[in-house]
């Protein structure tokens, strides 16, 4: 089975293929790598108001949703990202994948 369409299909969301880093002016405080089963990984850069998700040379920008729970939630029109401790959940309903933090980049 191919890696989850969220990870491979970022380009299909109108996201151009880019290098695995954000422009300096986006000022991301945290950059982490997550393993999504044995089939691949994603890099997440984030700050208090937005995040950039990288996979396979593609990039998606997501914006933080206000909330008071232990989870941080970022979303764009097609994708929802939920961060709870070392666990990252990517949702593009009805599909969902869970990834685990492997390192800070």
C-alpha atoms as a PDB file:
ATOM      1  CA  UNK A   1       0.000   0.000   0.000  1.00  0.00           C
ATOM      2  CA  UNK A   2       1.368   3.419  -0.912  1.00  0.00           C
ATOM      3  CA  UNK A   3       2.090   5.892   1.838  1.00  0.00           C
ATOM      4  CA  UNK A   4      -1.019   7.697   2.971  1.00  0.00           C
ATOM      5  CA  UNK A   5      -2.355  10.118   0.318  1.00  0.00           C
ATOM      6  CA  UNK A   6      -1.971  13.044   2.724  1.00  0.00           C
ATOM      7  CA  UNK A   7       1.776  12.523   2.669  1.00  0.00           C
ATOM      8  CA  UNK A   8       2.192  11.850  -1.027  1.00  0.00           C
ATOM      9  CA  UNK A   9      -0.612  14.052  -2.281  1.00  0.00           C
ATOM     10  CA  UNK A  10       0.353  17.483  -0.958  1.00  0.00           C
ATOM     11  CA  UNK A  11       1.137  18.522  -4.525  1.00  0.00           C
ATOM     12  CA  UNK A  12      -2.421  17.581  -5.498  1.00  0.00           C
ATOM     13  CA  UNK A  13      -3.618  20.219  -3.022  1.00  0.00           C
ATOM     14  CA  UNK A  14      -1.998  22.903  -5.114  1.00  0.00           C
ATOM     15  CA  UNK A  15       1.170  22.805  -3.040  1.00  0.00           C
ATOM     16  CA  UNK A  16       4.265  23.211  -5.210  1.00  0.00           C
ATOM     17  CA  UNK A  17       7.301  21.033  -4.711  1.00  0.00           C
ATOM     18  CA  UNK A  18       9.828  22.931  -2.585  1.00  0.00           C
ATOM     19  CA  UNK A  19      12.987  22.396  -0.596  1.00  0.00           C
ATOM     20  CA  UNK A  20      12.581  21.018   2.912  1.00  0.00           C
ATOM     21  CA  UNK A  21      12.788  24.381   4.661  1.00  0.00           C
ATOM     22  CA  UNK A  22      10.584  27.423   5.101  1.00  0.00           C
ATOM     23  CA  UNK A  23      11.552  30.999   4.265  1.00  0.00           C
ATOM     24  CA  UNK A  24      13.253  32.813   7.146  1.00  0.00           C
ATOM     25  CA  UNK A  25      10.459  35.359   7.512  1.00  0.00           C
ATOM     26  CA  UNK A  26       7.974  32.709   8.639  1.00  0.00           C
ATOM     27  CA  UNK A  27      10.048  32.446  11.842  1.00  0.00           C
ATOM     28  CA  UNK A  28       9.232  28.902  12.949  1.00  0.00           C
ATOM     29  CA  UNK A  29      10.458  28.211  16.482  1.00  0.00           C
ATOM     30  CA  UNK A  30      10.295  24.408  16.317  1.00  0.00           C
ATOM     31  CA  UNK A  31      11.296  21.947  13.594  1.00  0.00           C
ATOM     32  CA  UNK A  32      10.652  18.219  14.164  1.00  0.00           C
ATOM     33  CA  UNK A  33      10.652  14.978  12.163  1.00  0.00           C
ATOM     34  CA  UNK A  34       7.862  12.406  12.596  1.00  0.00           C
ATOM     35  CA  UNK A  35       7.857   8.783  11.461  1.00  0.00           C
ATOM     36  CA  UNK A  36       4.608   7.661   9.890  1.00  0.00           C
ATOM     37  CA  UNK A  37       4.859   3.861  10.134  1.00  0.00           C
ATOM     38  CA  UNK A  38       7.697   2.218   8.275  1.00  0.00           C
ATOM     39  CA  UNK A  39       6.611   3.862   5.036  1.00  0.00           C
ATOM     40  CA  UNK A  40       7.781   7.425   5.441  1.00  0.00           C
ATOM     41  CA  UNK A  41       8.254  10.539   7.476  1.00  0.00           C
ATOM     42  CA  UNK A  42       7.218  14.178   7.582  1.00  0.00           C
ATOM     43  CA  UNK A  43       8.916  17.309   8.857  1.00  0.00           C
ATOM     44  CA  UNK A  44       6.835  19.786  10.826  1.00  0.00           C
ATOM     45  CA  UNK A  45       7.921  23.374  11.399  1.00  0.00           C
ATOM     46  CA  UNK A  46       5.677  25.386  13.681  1.00  0.00           C
ATOM     47  CA  UNK A  47       5.202  28.422  15.868  1.00  0.00           C
ATOM     48  CA  UNK A  48       2.287  29.732  17.901  1.00  0.00           C
ATOM     49  CA  UNK A  49       0.147  30.690  14.917  1.00  0.00           C
ATOM     50  CA  UNK A  50       1.021  28.505  11.922  1.00  0.00           C
ATOM     51  CA  UNK A  51       2.839  25.381  10.773  1.00  0.00           C
ATOM     52  CA  UNK A  52       4.491  24.028   7.637  1.00  0.00           C
ATOM     53  CA  UNK A  53       4.293  20.302   6.862  1.00  0.00           C
ATOM     54  CA  UNK A  54       6.867  18.803   4.476  1.00  0.00           C
ATOM     55  CA  UNK A  55       6.644  15.424   2.786  1.00  0.00           C
ATOM     56  CA  UNK A  56       8.256  14.100  -0.374  1.00  0.00           C
ATOM     57  CA  UNK A  57       9.422  17.552  -1.466  1.00  0.00           C
ATOM     58  CA  UNK A  58       5.955  19.073  -1.041  1.00  0.00           C
ATOM     59  CA  UNK A  59       4.864  21.645   1.516  1.00  0.00           C
ATOM     60  CA  UNK A  60       1.526  22.547   3.115  1.00  0.00           C
ATOM     61  CA  UNK A  61       0.907  25.593   5.310  1.00  0.00           C
ATOM     62  CA  UNK A  62      -1.634  25.281   8.120  1.00  0.00           C
ATOM     63  CA  UNK A  63      -2.958  27.806  10.624  1.00  0.00           C
ATOM     64  CA  UNK A  64      -3.507  27.262  14.332  1.00  0.00           C
ATOM     65  CA  UNK A  65      -7.023  26.855  15.653  1.00  0.00           C
ATOM     66  CA  UNK A  66      -7.736  28.396  19.041  1.00  0.00           C
ATOM     67  CA  UNK A  67      -8.420  25.838  21.723  1.00  0.00           C
ATOM     68  CA  UNK A  68      -7.898  25.021  25.365  1.00  0.00           C
ATOM     69  CA  UNK A  69      -7.082  21.325  25.332  1.00  0.00           C
ATOM     70  CA  UNK A  70      -3.740  19.578  25.595  1.00  0.00           C
ATOM     71  CA  UNK A  71      -3.584  19.208  21.805  1.00  0.00           C
ATOM     72  CA  UNK A  72      -2.391  21.803  19.305  1.00  0.00           C
ATOM     73  CA  UNK A  73      -4.532  21.871  16.169  1.00  0.00           C
ATOM     74  CA  UNK A  74      -3.527  23.386  12.839  1.00  0.00           C
ATOM     75  CA  UNK A  75      -5.607  23.281   9.662  1.00  0.00           C
ATOM     76  CA  UNK A  76      -6.016  24.492   6.122  1.00  0.00           C
ATOM     77  CA  UNK A  77      -8.886  23.898   3.695  1.00  0.00           C
ATOM     78  CA  UNK A  78      -8.006  20.227   3.122  1.00  0.00           C
ATOM     79  CA  UNK A  79      -5.903  19.028   6.016  1.00  0.00           C
ATOM     80  CA  UNK A  80      -6.121  18.973   9.810  1.00  0.00           C
ATOM     81  CA  UNK A  81      -3.054  18.370  11.972  1.00  0.00           C
ATOM     82  CA  UNK A  82      -3.385  17.421  15.649  1.00  0.00           C
ATOM     83  CA  UNK A  83      -0.296  17.447  17.847  1.00  0.00           C
ATOM     84  CA  UNK A  84      -0.442  15.713  21.255  1.00  0.00           C
ATOM     85  CA  UNK A  85       2.952  15.298  22.907  1.00  0.00           C
ATOM     86  CA  UNK A  86       5.065  13.086  20.636  1.00  0.00           C
ATOM     87  CA  UNK A  87       2.099  12.040  18.480  1.00  0.00           C
ATOM     88  CA  UNK A  88       1.084  13.811  15.270  1.00  0.00           C
ATOM     89  CA  UNK A  89      -2.243  12.943  13.654  1.00  0.00           C
ATOM     90  CA  UNK A  90      -2.961  14.012  10.075  1.00  0.00           C
ATOM     91  CA  UNK A  91      -6.576  14.027   8.913  1.00  0.00           C
ATOM     92  CA  UNK A  92      -7.961  14.443   5.452  1.00  0.00           C
ATOM     93  CA  UNK A  93     -11.305  12.833   6.067  1.00  0.00           C
ATOM     94  CA  UNK A  94     -12.131  10.053   5.756  1.00  0.00           C
ATOM     95  CA  UNK A  95      -8.398   9.240   5.886  1.00  0.00           C
ATOM     96  CA  UNK A  96      -6.266   9.556   8.995  1.00  0.00           C
ATOM     97  CA  UNK A  97      -2.661   8.719   9.857  1.00  0.00           C
ATOM     98  CA  UNK A  98      -0.720   8.867  13.112  1.00  0.00           C
ATOM     99  CA  UNK A  99       2.997   9.620  13.247  1.00  0.00           C
ATOM    100  CA  UNK A 100       5.495   9.627  16.138  1.00  0.00           C
ATOM    101  CA  UNK A 101       8.189  12.215  16.754  1.00  0.00           C
ATOM    102  CA  UNK A 102      11.631  10.857  15.969  1.00  0.00           C
ATOM    103  CA  UNK A 103      13.882  13.906  16.377  1.00  0.00           C
ATOM    104  CA  UNK A 104      14.232  17.638  16.414  1.00  0.00           C
ATOM    105  CA  UNK A 105      15.724  18.825  13.148  1.00  0.00           C
END
